[in-house]
Amino acid sequence: FRLSYYDAYKLIEIYNPWVKNEIQQRLYLVSDESVKTPSDGQKIVVPVQNIAISSSTHIEFLNLLGELPTVKGVCTPHLIYNDDIRSRYANGNIVSLGDAHNVNLEQLLHLKPNVYFVASYNQQDEQAKRLQQSGVNLAFNNEWTEQSLLARAEWIKFVAAFYNKEQLADSFFSQIERDYLEVSAIAQSVSHRPTVMAGGNFKGTWYMPSGTSYMGRLFADAGADYFYKNEASTSASLALNFETVLNNFHNADVWLNAPTATLNALIQMDERHNLFRSAREGRVYGFYGRTLPDGANDFWESAVARPDLVLKDLIWALHPNLLPEYTPSYIIQLN
């Protein structure tokens, strides 16, 4: 996205994740409804007071900015980890909008949010068109499409523009970026880079991150050696069969981003998982440090805004001696 300032308004231009250099949406942020804006975009009065969100990944940005009280509607509330949002939903102060892919339009229209933050999941988003035609102020918060953790975290500046808190967002991001780069530099100094693998076999397919994906880049920043580090044919996951993964990773030192929270569950998922040395030796890690019984996992929520903590978590797992006093935030070693 790009944020530009003019005398009468702020302009946010959101780029199409699927078409390079194409503008997906233009938002004109004004201080008063009477301000005239160009006709090629949506006008939104800021600071917003009443918003709805489609994804839990938007929550931590709002939390850091001190704007959680403006959230009045959420999708799939049972998958939200943040205690403030959960308690306000339980008390009836936040409404459920259903599923993000099939939002309850009647409930959303009744809520009348100043803006509804949505994630764009495909190029031809029929639901988004339907919502716009109904008069809902949409804002495409596409942080998930970024190919690095820092780029994802920088979307706090996007959210901040709706609250006139850009300076605060710049301060937060600058500090997080400094911490990330400093600890990554420490990881790059290691003499030994442990080999890593990721994911798990699910219904015959094993999804591994490509080298240019955010997870692949995270492995590199954490001082790991990854078989597909130079795989740049896609920024998404590689769909592999079990035999390929076994051939390339049977002797990997560490298994990261495991699909289960215990070693027993990992083996029950597929007994062949025990063919990997990392599983037999118990060097398996997953992002289950902050979870709730109903399925909420804070790694898929607040971690998008805190790449510095995610990186430290991986370095803790890969190079225990580098951060001896560190207590992990999201990652655990499976037992």
C-alpha atoms as a PDB file:
ATOM      1  CA  PHE A   1       0.000   0.000   0.000  1.00  0.00           C
ATOM      2  CA  ARG A   2       0.996   3.632  -0.353  1.00  0.00           C
ATOM      3  CA  LEU A   3      -0.061   6.478   1.914  1.00  0.00           C
ATOM      4  CA  SER A   4      -0.044  10.019   0.489  1.00  0.00           C
ATOM      5  CA  TYR A   5      -0.990  13.326   2.082  1.00  0.00           C
ATOM      6  CA  TYR A   6      -2.919  16.175   0.457  1.00  0.00           C
ATOM      7  CA  ASP A   7      -4.355  19.402   1.818  1.00  0.00           C
ATOM      8  CA  ALA A   8      -7.892  18.084   2.273  1.00  0.00           C
ATOM      9  CA  TYR A   9      -7.401  14.333   2.698  1.00  0.00           C
ATOM     10  CA  LYS A  10      -5.098  11.350   3.056  1.00  0.00           C
ATOM     11  CA  LEU A  11      -5.007   8.864   0.189  1.00  0.00           C
ATOM     12  CA  ILE A  12      -4.351   5.166   0.716  1.00  0.00           C
ATOM     13  CA  GLU A  13      -3.683   3.204  -2.453  1.00  0.00           C
ATOM     14  CA  ILE A  14      -3.804  -0.555  -1.959  1.00  0.00           C
ATOM     15  CA  TYR A  15      -1.993  -2.581  -4.573  1.00  0.00           C
ATOM     16  CA  ASN A  16      -3.522  -5.669  -6.135  1.00  0.00           C
ATOM     17  CA  PRO A  17      -1.694  -8.694  -4.651  1.00  0.00           C
ATOM     18  CA  TRP A  18      -2.131 -10.615  -7.911  1.00  0.00           C
ATOM     19  CA  VAL A  19      -1.409  -7.950 -10.558  1.00  0.00           C
ATOM     20  CA  LYS A  20       1.861  -6.070 -10.243  1.00  0.00           C
ATOM     21  CA  ASN A  21       1.566  -2.273  -9.974  1.00  0.00           C
ATOM     22  CA  GLU A  22      -2.231  -2.371 -10.316  1.00  0.00           C
ATOM     23  CA  ILE A  23      -4.258  -0.429  -7.747  1.00  0.00           C
ATOM     24  CA  GLN A  24      -6.894  -2.606  -6.106  1.00  0.00           C
ATOM     25  CA  GLN A  25      -8.522   0.134  -4.030  1.00  0.00           C
ATOM     26  CA  ARG A  26      -8.263   3.854  -3.276  1.00  0.00           C
ATOM     27  CA  LEU A  27      -9.401   5.201   0.075  1.00  0.00           C
ATOM     28  CA  TYR A  28      -9.731   8.915   0.770  1.00  0.00           C
ATOM     29  CA  LEU A  29      -9.526   9.616   4.497  1.00  0.00           C
ATOM     30  CA  VAL A  30     -11.105  12.927   5.460  1.00  0.00           C
ATOM     31  CA  SER A  31     -11.789  14.772   8.692  1.00  0.00           C
ATOM     32  CA  ASP A  32     -15.274  15.836   7.613  1.00  0.00           C
ATOM     33  CA  GLU A  33     -17.929  14.267   5.394  1.00  0.00           C
ATOM     34  CA  SER A  34     -18.333  17.532   3.471  1.00  0.00           C
ATOM     35  CA  VAL A  35     -14.793  17.333   2.047  1.00  0.00           C
ATOM     36  CA  LYS A  36     -14.871  16.685  -1.673  1.00  0.00           C
ATOM     37  CA  THR A  37     -12.752  13.799  -2.923  1.00  0.00           C
ATOM     38  CA  PRO A  38     -12.086  12.254  -6.363  1.00  0.00           C
ATOM     39  CA  SER A  39     -14.675   9.795  -7.625  1.00  0.00           C
ATOM     40  CA  ASP A  40     -12.234   6.921  -8.125  1.00  0.00           C
ATOM     41  CA  GLY A  41     -12.257   5.797  -4.507  1.00  0.00           C
ATOM     42  CA  GLN A  42     -14.125   5.447  -1.223  1.00  0.00           C
ATOM     43  CA  LYS A  43     -14.378   8.361   1.223  1.00  0.00           C
ATOM     44  CA  ILE A  44     -14.034   7.521   4.928  1.00  0.00           C
ATOM     45  CA  VAL A  45     -14.231   9.980   7.817  1.00  0.00           C
ATOM     46  CA  VAL A  46     -11.389   9.579  10.328  1.00  0.00           C
ATOM     47  CA  PRO A  47     -10.645   8.947  13.078  1.00  0.00           C
ATOM     48  CA  VAL A  48     -13.010   5.984  12.909  1.00  0.00           C
ATOM     49  CA  GLN A  49     -15.039   5.162  16.009  1.00  0.00           C
ATOM     50  CA  ASN A  50     -16.840   1.961  15.029  1.00  0.00           C
ATOM     51  CA  ILE A  51     -15.163  -0.772  12.998  1.00  0.00           C
ATOM     52  CA  ALA A  52     -15.590  -4.418  12.048  1.00  0.00           C
ATOM     53  CA  ILE A  53     -12.787  -6.858  11.252  1.00  0.00           C
ATOM     54  CA  SER A  54     -12.766 -10.036   9.203  1.00  0.00           C
ATOM     55  CA  SER A  55      -9.469 -11.502  10.424  1.00  0.00           C
ATOM     56  CA  SER A  56      -7.850 -11.975  13.819  1.00  0.00           C
ATOM     57  CA  THR A  57      -4.575 -10.811  12.251  1.00  0.00           C
ATOM     58  CA  HIS A  58      -5.909  -7.253  12.447  1.00  0.00           C
ATOM     59  CA  ILE A  59      -6.284  -7.338  16.218  1.00  0.00           C
ATOM     60  CA  GLU A  60      -2.737  -6.804  17.472  1.00  0.00           C
ATOM     61  CA  PHE A  61      -2.252  -3.730  15.285  1.00  0.00           C
ATOM     62  CA  LEU A  62      -5.323  -2.221  16.935  1.00  0.00           C
ATOM     63  CA  ASN A  63      -4.087  -3.321  20.355  1.00  0.00           C
ATOM     64  CA  LEU A  64      -0.697  -1.647  19.916  1.00  0.00           C
ATOM     65  CA  LEU A  65      -2.442   1.539  18.807  1.00  0.00           C
ATOM     66  CA  GLY A  66      -4.800   1.468  21.790  1.00  0.00           C
ATOM     67  CA  GLU A  67      -7.878   1.182  19.572  1.00  0.00           C
ATOM     68  CA  LEU A  68      -9.425  -2.172  20.508  1.00  0.00           C
ATOM     69  CA  PRO A  69     -12.501  -0.389  21.951  1.00  0.00           C
ATOM     70  CA  THR A  70     -13.472   0.683  18.423  1.00  0.00           C
ATOM     71  CA  VAL A  71     -14.000  -2.953  17.376  1.00  0.00           C
ATOM     72  CA  LYS A  72     -17.743  -3.674  17.317  1.00  0.00           C
ATOM     73  CA  GLY A  73     -17.942  -6.714  15.029  1.00  0.00           C
ATOM     74  CA  VAL A  74     -15.696  -9.728  14.375  1.00  0.00           C
ATOM     75  CA  CYS A  75     -15.734 -12.925  12.336  1.00  0.00           C
ATOM     76  CA  THR A  76     -15.369 -16.388  13.945  1.00  0.00           C
ATOM     77  CA  PRO A  77     -15.031 -15.017  17.499  1.00  0.00           C
ATOM     78  CA  HIS A  78     -14.218 -18.446  18.985  1.00  0.00           C
ATOM     79  CA  LEU A  79     -10.893 -18.401  17.098  1.00  0.00           C
ATOM     80  CA  ILE A  80      -9.828 -15.076  18.615  1.00  0.00           C
ATOM     81  CA  TYR A  81      -7.184 -15.221  21.351  1.00  0.00           C
ATOM     82  CA  ASN A  82      -7.176 -11.619  22.598  1.00  0.00           C
ATOM     83  CA  ASP A  83      -8.807 -11.546  26.038  1.00  0.00           C
ATOM     84  CA  ASP A  84     -10.296  -8.058  25.636  1.00  0.00           C
ATOM     85  CA  ILE A  85     -12.104  -8.979  22.425  1.00  0.00           C
ATOM     86  CA  ARG A  86     -13.264 -12.319  23.840  1.00  0.00           C
ATOM     87  CA  SER A  87     -14.658 -10.780  27.036  1.00  0.00           C
ATOM     88  CA  ARG A  88     -16.447  -7.975  25.198  1.00  0.00           C
ATOM     89  CA  TYR A  89     -17.956 -10.524  22.826  1.00  0.00           C
ATOM     90  CA  ALA A  90     -19.077 -12.649  25.786  1.00  0.00           C
ATOM     91  CA  ASN A  91     -20.675  -9.560  27.350  1.00  0.00           C
ATOM     92  CA  GLY A  92     -22.559  -8.730  24.152  1.00  0.00           C
ATOM     93  CA  ASN A  93     -20.534  -5.609  23.334  1.00  0.00           C
ATOM     94  CA  ILE A  94     -19.122  -7.137  20.147  1.00  0.00           C
ATOM     95  CA  VAL A  95     -21.259  -8.975  17.601  1.00  0.00           C
ATOM     96  CA  SER A  96     -20.361 -12.012  15.525  1.00  0.00           C
ATOM     97  CA  LEU A  97     -20.424 -11.480  11.771  1.00  0.00           C
ATOM     98  CA  GLY A  98     -20.183 -15.198  11.014  1.00  0.00           C
ATOM     99  CA  ASP A  99     -17.501 -16.563   8.734  1.00  0.00           C
ATOM    100  CA  ALA A 100     -15.140 -14.197   6.917  1.00  0.00           C
ATOM    101  CA  HIS A 101     -15.766 -15.984   3.617  1.00  0.00           C
ATOM    102  CA  ASN A 102     -19.539 -15.768   4.036  1.00  0.00           C
ATOM    103  CA  VAL A 103     -20.173 -12.770   6.245  1.00  0.00           C
ATOM    104  CA  ASN A 104     -23.617 -12.097   7.731  1.00  0.00           C
ATOM    105  CA  LEU A 105     -24.554  -9.098   5.596  1.00  0.00           C
ATOM    106  CA  GLU A 106     -27.692  -8.276   7.582  1.00  0.00           C
ATOM    107  CA  GLN A 107     -25.703  -8.120  10.822  1.00  0.00           C
ATOM    108  CA  LEU A 108     -22.983  -6.039   9.189  1.00  0.00           C
ATOM    109  CA  LEU A 109     -25.457  -3.525   7.775  1.00  0.00           C
ATOM    110  CA  HIS A 110     -27.145  -3.259  11.156  1.00  0.00           C
ATOM    111  CA  LEU A 111     -23.782  -2.549  12.774  1.00  0.00           C
ATOM    112  CA  LYS A 112     -23.048   0.295  10.305  1.00  0.00           C
ATOM    113  CA  PRO A 113     -19.269   0.291  10.847  1.00  0.00           C
ATOM    114  CA  ASN A 114     -17.235   3.305   9.762  1.00  0.00           C
ATOM    115  CA  VAL A 115     -14.999   0.754   8.049  1.00  0.00           C
ATOM    116  CA  TYR A 116     -14.880  -3.009   7.673  1.00  0.00           C
ATOM    117  CA  PHE A 117     -11.324  -4.349   7.446  1.00  0.00           C
ATOM    118  CA  VAL A 118     -11.255  -7.333   5.118  1.00  0.00           C
ATOM    119  CA  ALA A 119      -8.537  -9.575   3.736  1.00  0.00           C
ATOM    120  CA  SER A 120      -8.563 -10.114   0.006  1.00  0.00           C
ATOM    121  CA  TYR A 121      -8.273 -13.830  -0.756  1.00  0.00           C
ATOM    122  CA  ASN A 122      -8.617 -13.933  -4.524  1.00  0.00           C
ATOM    123  CA  GLN A 123      -8.554 -11.634  -7.505  1.00  0.00           C
ATOM    124  CA  GLN A 124     -12.277 -11.922  -8.261  1.00  0.00           C
ATOM    125  CA  ASP A 125     -13.763 -11.418  -4.789  1.00  0.00           C
ATOM    126  CA  GLU A 126     -17.519 -11.655  -5.321  1.00  0.00           C
ATOM    127  CA  GLN A 127     -18.302 -11.164  -1.643  1.00  0.00           C
ATOM    128  CA  ALA A 128     -16.344  -7.900  -1.571  1.00  0.00           C
ATOM    129  CA  LYS A 129     -18.252  -6.655  -4.599  1.00  0.00           C
ATOM    130  CA  ARG A 130     -21.546  -7.552  -2.934  1.00  0.00           C
ATOM    131  CA  LEU A 131     -20.573  -5.732   0.263  1.00  0.00           C
ATOM    132  CA  GLN A 132     -19.480  -2.628  -1.624  1.00  0.00           C
ATOM    133  CA  GLN A 133     -22.723  -2.601  -3.581  1.00  0.00           C
ATOM    134  CA  SER A 134     -24.570  -2.722  -0.252  1.00  0.00           C
ATOM    135  CA  GLY A 135     -22.827   0.473   0.850  1.00  0.00           C
ATOM    136  CA  VAL A 136     -20.346  -1.037   3.316  1.00  0.00           C
ATOM    137  CA  ASN A 137     -17.053   0.872   3.618  1.00  0.00           C
ATOM    138  CA  LEU A 138     -14.458  -1.805   2.933  1.00  0.00           C
ATOM    139  CA  ALA A 139     -10.713  -1.500   3.440  1.00  0.00           C
ATOM    140  CA  PHE A 140      -8.527  -4.282   2.065  1.00  0.00           C
ATOM    141  CA  ASN A 141      -6.055  -5.143   4.815  1.00  0.00           C
ATOM    142  CA  ASN A 142      -3.823  -7.501   2.815  1.00  0.00           C
ATOM    143  CA  GLU A 143      -0.901  -7.930   5.163  1.00  0.00           C
ATOM    144  CA  TRP A 144      -1.018 -11.714   4.714  1.00  0.00           C
ATOM    145  CA  THR A 145       0.106 -11.426   1.086  1.00  0.00           C
ATOM    146  CA  GLU A 146       3.487  -9.930   2.008  1.00  0.00           C
ATOM    147  CA  GLN A 147       6.509 -12.201   1.579  1.00  0.00           C
ATOM    148  CA  SER A 148       8.421 -11.162   4.693  1.00  0.00           C
ATOM    149  CA  LEU A 149       7.465 -10.861   8.337  1.00  0.00           C
ATOM    150  CA  LEU A 150       8.677  -7.260   8.556  1.00  0.00           C
ATOM    151  CA  ALA A 151       6.584  -6.282   5.552  1.00  0.00           C
ATOM    152  CA  ARG A 152       3.535  -7.816   7.216  1.00  0.00           C
ATOM    153  CA  ALA A 153       4.214  -5.938  10.441  1.00  0.00           C
ATOM    154  CA  GLU A 154       4.503  -2.645   8.561  1.00  0.00           C
ATOM    155  CA  TRP A 155       0.752  -2.778   7.898  1.00  0.00           C
ATOM    156  CA  ILE A 156       0.346  -1.199  11.340  1.00  0.00           C
ATOM    157  CA  LYS A 157       0.933   2.056   9.448  1.00  0.00           C
ATOM    158  CA  PHE A 158      -2.069   1.259   7.240  1.00  0.00           C
ATOM    159  CA  VAL A 159      -4.328   0.672  10.247  1.00  0.00           C
ATOM    160  CA  ALA A 160      -2.976   3.749  12.041  1.00  0.00           C
ATOM    161  CA  ALA A 161      -4.012   6.061   9.194  1.00  0.00           C
ATOM    162  CA  PHE A 162      -7.674   5.442  10.077  1.00  0.00           C
ATOM    163  CA  TYR A 163      -7.017   6.775  13.588  1.00  0.00           C
ATOM    164  CA  ASN A 164      -4.591   9.606  12.733  1.00  0.00           C
ATOM    165  CA  LYS A 165      -1.923   7.723  14.670  1.00  0.00           C
ATOM    166  CA  GLU A 166       0.714   7.340  11.969  1.00  0.00           C
ATOM    167  CA  GLN A 167       3.476   8.740  14.179  1.00  0.00           C
ATOM    168  CA  LEU A 168       2.794   6.157  16.875  1.00  0.00           C
ATOM    169  CA  ALA A 169       2.749   3.379  14.276  1.00  0.00           C
ATOM    170  CA  ASP A 170       6.055   4.558  12.814  1.00  0.00           C
ATOM    171  CA  SER A 171       7.583   4.446  16.294  1.00  0.00           C
ATOM    172  CA  PHE A 172       6.323   0.916  16.987  1.00  0.00           C
ATOM    173  CA  PHE A 173       7.449  -0.429  13.629  1.00  0.00           C
ATOM    174  CA  SER A 174      10.869   1.211  13.763  1.00  0.00           C
ATOM    175  CA  GLN A 175      11.586  -0.387  17.132  1.00  0.00           C
ATOM    176  CA  ILE A 176      10.340  -3.804  16.026  1.00  0.00           C
ATOM    177  CA  GLU A 177      12.396  -3.576  12.825  1.00  0.00           C
ATOM    178  CA  ARG A 178      15.539  -2.622  14.778  1.00  0.00           C
ATOM    179  CA  ASP A 179      15.081  -5.508  17.196  1.00  0.00           C
ATOM    180  CA  TYR A 180      14.453  -7.953  14.336  1.00  0.00           C
ATOM    181  CA  LEU A 181      17.537  -6.910  12.364  1.00  0.00           C
ATOM    182  CA  GLU A 182      19.758  -6.887  15.457  1.00  0.00           C
ATOM    183  CA  VAL A 183      18.846 -10.388  16.556  1.00  0.00           C
ATOM    184  CA  SER A 184      19.029 -11.680  12.960  1.00  0.00           C
ATOM    185  CA  ALA A 185      22.577 -10.317  12.713  1.00  0.00           C
ATOM    186  CA  ILE A 186      23.456 -12.336  15.806  1.00  0.00           C
ATOM    187  CA  ALA A 187      22.012 -15.479  14.201  1.00  0.00           C
ATOM    188  CA  GLN A 188      23.999 -14.909  11.006  1.00  0.00           C
ATOM    189  CA  SER A 189      27.246 -15.026  12.993  1.00  0.00           C
ATOM    190  CA  VAL A 190      26.896 -18.702  13.965  1.00  0.00           C
ATOM    191  CA  SER A 191      29.478 -21.158  12.707  1.00  0.00           C
ATOM    192  CA  HIS A 192      26.947 -23.978  12.297  1.00  0.00           C
ATOM    193  CA  ARG A 193      23.564 -23.623  10.602  1.00  0.00           C
ATOM    194  CA  PRO A 194      21.263 -26.483  11.635  1.00  0.00           C
ATOM    195  CA  THR A 195      19.265 -28.058   8.838  1.00  0.00           C
ATOM    196  CA  VAL A 196      15.508 -27.618   9.211  1.00  0.00           C
ATOM    197  CA  MET A 197      12.263 -29.033   7.891  1.00  0.00           C
ATOM    198  CA  ALA A 198       8.664 -27.895   8.383  1.00  0.00           C
ATOM    199  CA  GLY A 199       5.019 -28.899   8.203  1.00  0.00           C
ATOM    200  CA  GLY A 200       3.623 -32.426   8.138  1.00  0.00           C
ATOM    201  CA  ASN A 201       2.037 -35.057   5.937  1.00  0.00           C
ATOM    202  CA  PHE A 202      -1.710 -34.417   5.579  1.00  0.00           C
ATOM    203  CA  LYS A 203      -3.884 -36.594   3.349  1.00  0.00           C
ATOM    204  CA  GLY A 204      -0.974 -37.479   1.108  1.00  0.00           C
ATOM    205  CA  THR A 205       0.431 -33.980   0.626  1.00  0.00           C
ATOM    206  CA  TRP A 206       3.218 -32.259   2.538  1.00  0.00           C
ATOM    207  CA  TYR A 207       3.286 -28.490   2.245  1.00  0.00           C
ATOM    208  CA  MET A 208       6.742 -26.970   2.577  1.00  0.00           C
ATOM    209  CA  PRO A 209       7.525 -23.245   2.415  1.00  0.00           C
ATOM    210  CA  SER A 210       9.410 -22.026  -0.629  1.00  0.00           C
ATOM    211  CA  GLY A 211      12.615 -20.089  -0.151  1.00  0.00           C
ATOM    212  CA  THR A 212      10.905 -16.798  -1.004  1.00  0.00           C
ATOM    213  CA  SER A 213       7.907 -17.332   1.275  1.00  0.00           C
ATOM    214  CA  TYR A 214       7.745 -15.493   4.594  1.00  0.00           C
ATOM    215  CA  MET A 215       8.529 -18.728   6.448  1.00  0.00           C
ATOM    216  CA  GLY A 216      11.433 -19.570   4.155  1.00  0.00           C
ATOM    217  CA  ARG A 217      12.898 -16.124   4.716  1.00  0.00           C
ATOM    218  CA  LEU A 218      12.361 -16.492   8.442  1.00  0.00           C
ATOM    219  CA  PHE A 219      14.438 -19.690   8.416  1.00  0.00           C
ATOM    220  CA  ALA A 220      17.284 -17.816   6.728  1.00  0.00           C
ATOM    221  CA  ASP A 221      17.056 -14.875   9.141  1.00  0.00           C
ATOM    222  CA  ALA A 222      17.205 -17.298  12.079  1.00  0.00           C
ATOM    223  CA  GLY A 223      20.464 -18.836  10.893  1.00  0.00           C
ATOM    224  CA  ALA A 224      19.031 -22.112   9.564  1.00  0.00           C
ATOM    225  CA  ASP A 225      20.000 -24.169   6.530  1.00  0.00           C
ATOM    226  CA  TYR A 226      16.917 -25.087   4.514  1.00  0.00           C
ATOM    227  CA  PHE A 227      16.859 -27.428   1.526  1.00  0.00           C
ATOM    228  CA  TYR A 228      14.480 -25.231  -0.488  1.00  0.00           C
ATOM    229  CA  LYS A 229      16.163 -21.929   0.423  1.00  0.00           C
ATOM    230  CA  ASN A 230      16.845 -21.170  -3.249  1.00  0.00           C
ATOM    231  CA  GLU A 231      13.438 -22.297  -4.496  1.00  0.00           C
ATOM    232  CA  ALA A 232      11.931 -19.133  -5.981  1.00  0.00           C
ATOM    233  CA  SER A 233       9.396 -20.543  -8.439  1.00  0.00           C
ATOM    234  CA  THR A 234       6.605 -19.592  -6.037  1.00  0.00           C
ATOM    235  CA  SER A 235       6.194 -17.459  -2.947  1.00  0.00           C
ATOM    236  CA  ALA A 236       3.594 -19.900  -1.636  1.00  0.00           C
ATOM    237  CA  SER A 237       3.981 -23.429  -0.293  1.00  0.00           C
ATOM    238  CA  LEU A 238       5.401 -26.346  -2.230  1.00  0.00           C
ATOM    239  CA  ALA A 239       3.010 -29.301  -2.441  1.00  0.00           C
ATOM    240  CA  LEU A 240       5.206 -32.392  -2.084  1.00  0.00           C
ATOM    241  CA  ASN A 241       4.677 -36.121  -1.687  1.00  0.00           C
ATOM    242  CA  PHE A 242       5.985 -37.984   1.346  1.00  0.00           C
ATOM    243  CA  GLU A 243       8.775 -39.730  -0.522  1.00  0.00           C
ATOM    244  CA  THR A 244      10.271 -36.440  -1.705  1.00  0.00           C
ATOM    245  CA  VAL A 245      10.202 -34.978   1.794  1.00  0.00           C
ATOM    246  CA  LEU A 246      11.722 -38.114   3.310  1.00  0.00           C
ATOM    247  CA  ASN A 247      14.500 -38.111   0.748  1.00  0.00           C
ATOM    248  CA  ASN A 248      15.381 -34.463   1.335  1.00  0.00           C
ATOM    249  CA  PHE A 249      14.786 -34.124   5.079  1.00  0.00           C
ATOM    250  CA  HIS A 250      15.202 -37.535   6.738  1.00  0.00           C
ATOM    251  CA  ASN A 251      18.379 -36.340   8.426  1.00  0.00           C
ATOM    252  CA  ALA A 252      17.321 -32.750   9.224  1.00  0.00           C
ATOM    253  CA  ASP A 253      18.489 -31.465  12.599  1.00  0.00           C
ATOM    254  CA  VAL A 254      15.305 -29.625  13.594  1.00  0.00           C
ATOM    255  CA  TRP A 255      11.624 -29.873  12.667  1.00  0.00           C
ATOM    256  CA  LEU A 256       9.892 -26.476  12.817  1.00  0.00           C
ATOM    257  CA  ASN A 257       6.237 -25.427  12.537  1.00  0.00           C
ATOM    258  CA  ALA A 258       5.005 -28.929  13.330  1.00  0.00           C
ATOM    259  CA  PRO A 259       1.266 -29.535  12.679  1.00  0.00           C
ATOM    260  CA  THR A 260       0.591 -30.954  16.166  1.00  0.00           C
ATOM    261  CA  ALA A 261       1.288 -29.858  19.749  1.00  0.00           C
ATOM    262  CA  THR A 262       2.733 -33.188  20.999  1.00  0.00           C
ATOM    263  CA  LEU A 263       5.083 -35.846  19.642  1.00  0.00           C
ATOM    264  CA  ASN A 264       2.453 -38.546  20.199  1.00  0.00           C
ATOM    265  CA  ALA A 265      -0.060 -36.645  18.092  1.00  0.00           C
ATOM    266  CA  LEU A 266       2.577 -36.181  15.395  1.00  0.00           C
ATOM    267  CA  ILE A 267       3.199 -39.917  15.167  1.00  0.00           C
ATOM    268  CA  GLN A 268      -0.527 -40.707  15.346  1.00  0.00           C
ATOM    269  CA  MET A 269      -1.082 -38.302  12.471  1.00  0.00           C
ATOM    270  CA  ASP A 270       1.267 -40.438  10.359  1.00  0.00           C
ATOM    271  CA  GLU A 271       3.492 -43.190  11.780  1.00  0.00           C
ATOM    272  CA  ARG A 272       6.030 -42.465   9.054  1.00  0.00           C
ATOM    273  CA  HIS A 273       6.810 -39.141  10.730  1.00  0.00           C
ATOM    274  CA  ASN A 274       9.052 -41.226  13.003  1.00  0.00           C
ATOM    275  CA  LEU A 275      11.307 -41.914  10.020  1.00  0.00           C
ATOM    276  CA  PHE A 276      12.760 -38.419  10.434  1.00  0.00           C
ATOM    277  CA  ARG A 277      15.758 -38.051  12.738  1.00  0.00           C
ATOM    278  CA  SER A 278      14.440 -34.810  14.218  1.00  0.00           C
ATOM    279  CA  ALA A 279      11.287 -36.620  15.391  1.00  0.00           C
ATOM    280  CA  ARG A 280      13.157 -39.591  16.838  1.00  0.00           C
ATOM    281  CA  GLU A 281      15.506 -37.263  18.725  1.00  0.00           C
ATOM    282  CA  GLY A 282      12.705 -34.994  19.932  1.00  0.00           C
ATOM    283  CA  ARG A 283      13.906 -31.823  18.219  1.00  0.00           C
ATOM    284  CA  VAL A 284      10.448 -30.835  17.012  1.00  0.00           C
ATOM    285  CA  TYR A 285       8.904 -27.419  17.584  1.00  0.00           C
ATOM    286  CA  GLY A 286       5.485 -25.919  16.936  1.00  0.00           C
ATOM    287  CA  PHE A 287       3.752 -22.594  17.477  1.00  0.00           C
ATOM    288  CA  TYR A 288       1.475 -23.657  20.323  1.00  0.00           C
ATOM    289  CA  GLY A 289       2.749 -21.505  23.170  1.00  0.00           C
ATOM    290  CA  ARG A 290      -0.428 -19.418  23.334  1.00  0.00           C
ATOM    291  CA  THR A 291      -3.536 -21.447  22.590  1.00  0.00           C
ATOM    292  CA  LEU A 292      -7.038 -21.854  23.979  1.00  0.00           C
ATOM    293  CA  PRO A 293      -9.208 -25.002  24.159  1.00  0.00           C
ATOM    294  CA  ASP A 294     -11.638 -23.795  21.472  1.00  0.00           C
ATOM    295  CA  GLY A 295      -8.901 -23.550  18.828  1.00  0.00           C
ATOM    296  CA  ALA A 296      -7.650 -19.973  19.180  1.00  0.00           C
ATOM    297  CA  ASN A 297      -3.900 -19.645  18.624  1.00  0.00           C
ATOM    298  CA  ASP A 298      -2.164 -16.342  19.228  1.00  0.00           C
ATOM    299  CA  PHE A 299       0.564 -17.191  16.708  1.00  0.00           C
ATOM    300  CA  TRP A 300      -2.009 -16.623  13.952  1.00  0.00           C
ATOM    301  CA  GLU A 301      -3.122 -13.413  15.651  1.00  0.00           C
ATOM    302  CA  SER A 302      -0.589 -11.188  17.390  1.00  0.00           C
ATOM    303  CA  ALA A 303       2.549 -12.661  15.816  1.00  0.00           C
ATOM    304  CA  VAL A 304       1.877 -10.805  12.551  1.00  0.00           C
ATOM    305  CA  ALA A 305       2.654  -7.559  14.393  1.00  0.00           C
ATOM    306  CA  ARG A 306       5.623  -8.965  16.353  1.00  0.00           C
ATOM    307  CA  PRO A 307       8.088 -10.547  13.910  1.00  0.00           C
ATOM    308  CA  ASP A 308      10.874  -9.738  16.352  1.00  0.00           C
ATOM    309  CA  LEU A 309       9.403 -12.193  18.857  1.00  0.00           C
ATOM    310  CA  VAL A 310       8.820 -14.859  16.200  1.00  0.00           C
ATOM    311  CA  LEU A 311      12.432 -14.607  15.084  1.00  0.00           C
ATOM    312  CA  LYS A 312      13.693 -14.825  18.667  1.00  0.00           C
ATOM    313  CA  ASP A 313      11.512 -17.906  19.151  1.00  0.00           C
ATOM    314  CA  LEU A 314      13.171 -19.653  16.211  1.00  0.00           C
ATOM    315  CA  ILE A 315      16.655 -18.652  17.299  1.00  0.00           C
ATOM    316  CA  TRP A 316      15.862 -20.012  20.781  1.00  0.00           C
ATOM    317  CA  ALA A 317      14.977 -23.338  19.159  1.00  0.00           C
ATOM    318  CA  LEU A 318      17.859 -23.440  16.676  1.00  0.00           C
ATOM    319  CA  HIS A 319      20.670 -21.826  18.655  1.00  0.00           C
ATOM    320  CA  PRO A 320      19.879 -22.188  22.394  1.00  0.00           C
ATOM    321  CA  ASN A 321      23.187 -20.613  23.438  1.00  0.00           C
ATOM    322  CA  LEU A 322      22.551 -17.329  21.592  1.00  0.00           C
ATOM    323  CA  LEU A 323      19.586 -16.224  23.739  1.00  0.00           C
ATOM    324  CA  PRO A 324      20.156 -17.968  27.098  1.00  0.00           C
ATOM    325  CA  GLU A 325      17.798 -15.683  29.066  1.00  0.00           C
ATOM    326  CA  TYR A 326      14.998 -15.639  26.496  1.00  0.00           C
ATOM    327  CA  THR A 327      11.558 -17.082  27.239  1.00  0.00           C
ATOM    328  CA  PRO A 328       9.699 -18.070  24.050  1.00  0.00           C
ATOM    329  CA  SER A 329       6.457 -16.317  23.186  1.00  0.00           C
ATOM    330  CA  TYR A 330       4.780 -18.564  20.597  1.00  0.00           C
ATOM    331  CA  ILE A 331       6.944 -21.643  20.072  1.00  0.00           C
ATOM    332  CA  ILE A 332       7.202 -24.797  22.180  1.00  0.00           C
ATOM    333  CA  GLN A 333       9.307 -27.934  21.987  1.00  0.00           C
ATOM    334  CA  LEU A 334       6.983 -30.893  21.518  1.00  0.00           C
ATOM    335  CA  ASN A 335       7.079 -33.602  24.190  1.00  0.00           C
END
